[in-house]
């Protein structure tokens, strides 16, 4: 199965007669455009083939290398965000943190513990599913 998503944006283009091989890009904007397309295609593919969780349904995930391995890591984080949406408790913790409402050490500790666990799980999944495709020449 395949899906695609195209955005009509002035990014990653070459004007007629452009003097270089490289296209014109706008770093942060280009990344936003790429991630927007990635999110959309993952949703579309999940709907088309009936995947509830794209990360769990595949043994490996391969991403465009973009600007380097860190770019791939961020793309994988986007996939995880779609595959594992936060529950109400974690959303409440995040809102409280953003609004500066942590008044006890316990709530701050709970937030750190939750985020640390989530990051640990995500790192393990990355090493298992996306890491093998990152064969970089030294």
Protein backbone atom coordinates (compact mmCIF):
# COMPACT_ATOMS: atom_id res chain seq x y z
CA UNK A 1 0.00 0.00 0.00
CA UNK A 2 1.04 3.56 -0.69
CA UNK A 3 -0.23 6.99 0.16
CA UNK A 4 1.09 10.44 -0.62
CA UNK A 5 0.58 13.97 0.57
CA UNK A 6 1.52 17.04 -1.41
CA UNK A 7 1.53 20.60 -0.13
CA UNK A 8 1.60 23.62 -2.41
CA UNK A 9 4.43 25.48 -0.68
CA UNK A 10 7.33 27.61 -1.86
CA UNK A 11 9.94 25.34 -0.41
CA UNK A 12 12.49 22.98 -1.87
CA UNK A 13 12.24 24.40 -5.38
CA UNK A 14 14.51 25.50 -8.22
CA UNK A 15 13.58 28.57 -10.24
CA UNK A 16 13.99 28.33 -14.01
CA UNK A 17 17.68 28.78 -14.79
CA UNK A 18 18.77 28.25 -11.19
CA UNK A 19 22.58 28.25 -11.10
CA UNK A 20 23.05 25.48 -8.49
CA UNK A 21 22.12 21.82 -8.17
CA UNK A 22 20.77 22.37 -4.66
CA UNK A 23 17.21 23.68 -4.36
CA UNK A 24 16.14 26.72 -2.39
CA UNK A 25 15.09 25.74 1.12
CA UNK A 26 14.21 27.49 4.37
CA UNK A 27 15.58 25.28 7.17
CA UNK A 28 12.92 25.35 9.91
CA UNK A 29 10.06 25.89 7.46
CA UNK A 30 11.29 22.99 5.29
CA UNK A 31 11.33 20.73 8.33
CA UNK A 32 7.79 21.79 9.28
CA UNK A 33 6.58 21.02 5.75
CA UNK A 34 8.27 17.60 5.82
CA UNK A 35 6.80 16.72 9.22
CA UNK A 36 3.34 17.88 8.16
CA UNK A 37 3.50 15.53 5.17
CA UNK A 38 4.87 12.71 7.33
CA UNK A 39 2.00 13.08 9.84
CA UNK A 40 -0.58 13.11 7.07
CA UNK A 41 0.77 10.09 5.21
CA UNK A 42 1.00 8.07 8.42
CA UNK A 43 -2.62 8.87 9.25
CA UNK A 44 -3.75 8.09 5.70
CA UNK A 45 -1.89 4.79 5.57
CA UNK A 46 -3.22 3.78 8.97
CA UNK A 47 -6.78 4.49 7.83
CA UNK A 48 -6.32 2.73 4.50
CA UNK A 49 -4.88 -0.51 5.86
CA UNK A 50 -6.49 -0.43 9.29
CA UNK A 51 -3.40 0.08 11.46
CA UNK A 52 -4.19 1.37 14.89
CA UNK A 53 -0.51 1.83 15.71
CA UNK A 54 1.99 2.32 12.88
CA UNK A 55 5.03 1.81 15.13
CA UNK A 56 3.86 -1.51 16.55
CA UNK A 57 2.61 -2.84 13.21
CA UNK A 58 6.07 -2.77 11.57
CA UNK A 59 9.36 -4.43 12.42
CA UNK A 60 11.36 -1.53 10.98
CA UNK A 61 10.70 2.10 10.08
CA UNK A 62 12.87 3.94 7.56
CA UNK A 63 12.93 7.73 7.31
CA UNK A 64 14.50 10.25 4.97
CA UNK A 65 17.88 11.17 6.45
CA UNK A 66 17.30 14.87 5.83
CA UNK A 67 19.93 16.88 7.64
CA UNK A 68 21.28 13.92 9.63
CA UNK A 69 20.53 11.25 12.23
CA UNK A 70 18.95 13.80 14.60
CA UNK A 71 16.38 14.55 11.88
CA UNK A 72 15.50 10.84 11.74
CA UNK A 73 15.15 10.77 15.53
CA UNK A 74 12.69 13.69 15.39
CA UNK A 75 10.72 11.99 12.61
CA UNK A 76 10.50 8.85 14.73
CA UNK A 77 9.33 10.94 17.70
CA UNK A 78 6.52 12.26 15.49
CA UNK A 79 5.54 8.70 14.60
CA UNK A 80 5.49 7.78 18.29
CA UNK A 81 3.36 10.82 19.11
CA UNK A 82 0.76 9.61 16.60
CA UNK A 83 1.03 5.98 17.68
CA UNK A 84 0.99 6.62 21.43
CA UNK A 85 -1.17 9.65 22.17
CA UNK A 86 -0.81 10.89 25.75
CA UNK A 87 -3.42 9.87 28.30
CA UNK A 88 -5.41 12.34 30.39
CA UNK A 89 -3.07 12.11 33.40
CA UNK A 90 0.02 12.96 31.36
CA UNK A 91 -1.80 15.80 29.59
CA UNK A 92 -2.83 17.22 32.97
CA UNK A 93 0.77 16.96 34.21
CA UNK A 94 2.05 18.74 31.11
CA UNK A 95 -0.57 21.52 31.39
CA UNK A 96 0.28 22.03 35.06
CA UNK A 97 3.97 22.22 34.21
CA UNK A 98 3.38 24.78 31.43
CA UNK A 99 1.23 26.91 33.73
CA UNK A 100 3.77 26.71 36.59
CA UNK A 101 1.34 25.02 38.94
CA UNK A 102 3.73 22.53 40.51
CA UNK A 103 3.68 23.39 44.18
CA UNK A 104 4.89 20.12 45.70
CA UNK A 105 8.02 18.12 45.01
CA UNK A 106 5.84 15.06 44.53
CA UNK A 107 4.12 16.41 41.42
CA UNK A 108 7.44 17.50 39.94
CA UNK A 109 8.89 14.07 40.68
CA UNK A 110 5.85 12.41 39.09
CA UNK A 111 6.28 14.47 35.93
CA UNK A 112 10.00 13.66 35.68
CA UNK A 113 9.30 9.97 36.28
CA UNK A 114 6.57 9.92 33.60
CA UNK A 115 8.66 11.79 31.02
CA UNK A 116 11.73 9.69 31.79
CA UNK A 117 9.80 6.46 31.36
CA UNK A 118 8.22 7.66 28.13
CA UNK A 119 11.62 8.76 26.78
CA UNK A 120 13.21 5.44 27.78
CA UNK A 121 10.49 3.49 25.97
CA UNK A 122 10.79 5.73 22.92
CA UNK A 123 14.59 5.33 22.83
CA UNK A 124 14.23 1.55 23.01
CA UNK A 125 11.72 1.56 20.17
CA UNK A 126 13.97 3.83 18.09
CA UNK A 127 16.96 1.51 18.57
CA UNK A 128 14.80 -1.45 17.62
CA UNK A 129 12.79 -0.08 14.70
CA UNK A 130 14.60 2.91 13.13
CA UNK A 131 18.18 2.56 14.33
CA UNK A 132 19.06 -0.40 12.07
CA UNK A 133 18.35 1.71 8.97
CA UNK A 134 20.84 4.39 10.08
CA UNK A 135 23.98 2.91 8.58
CA UNK A 136 26.29 5.88 8.34
CA UNK A 137 29.74 5.70 6.82
CA UNK A 138 32.43 6.83 9.28
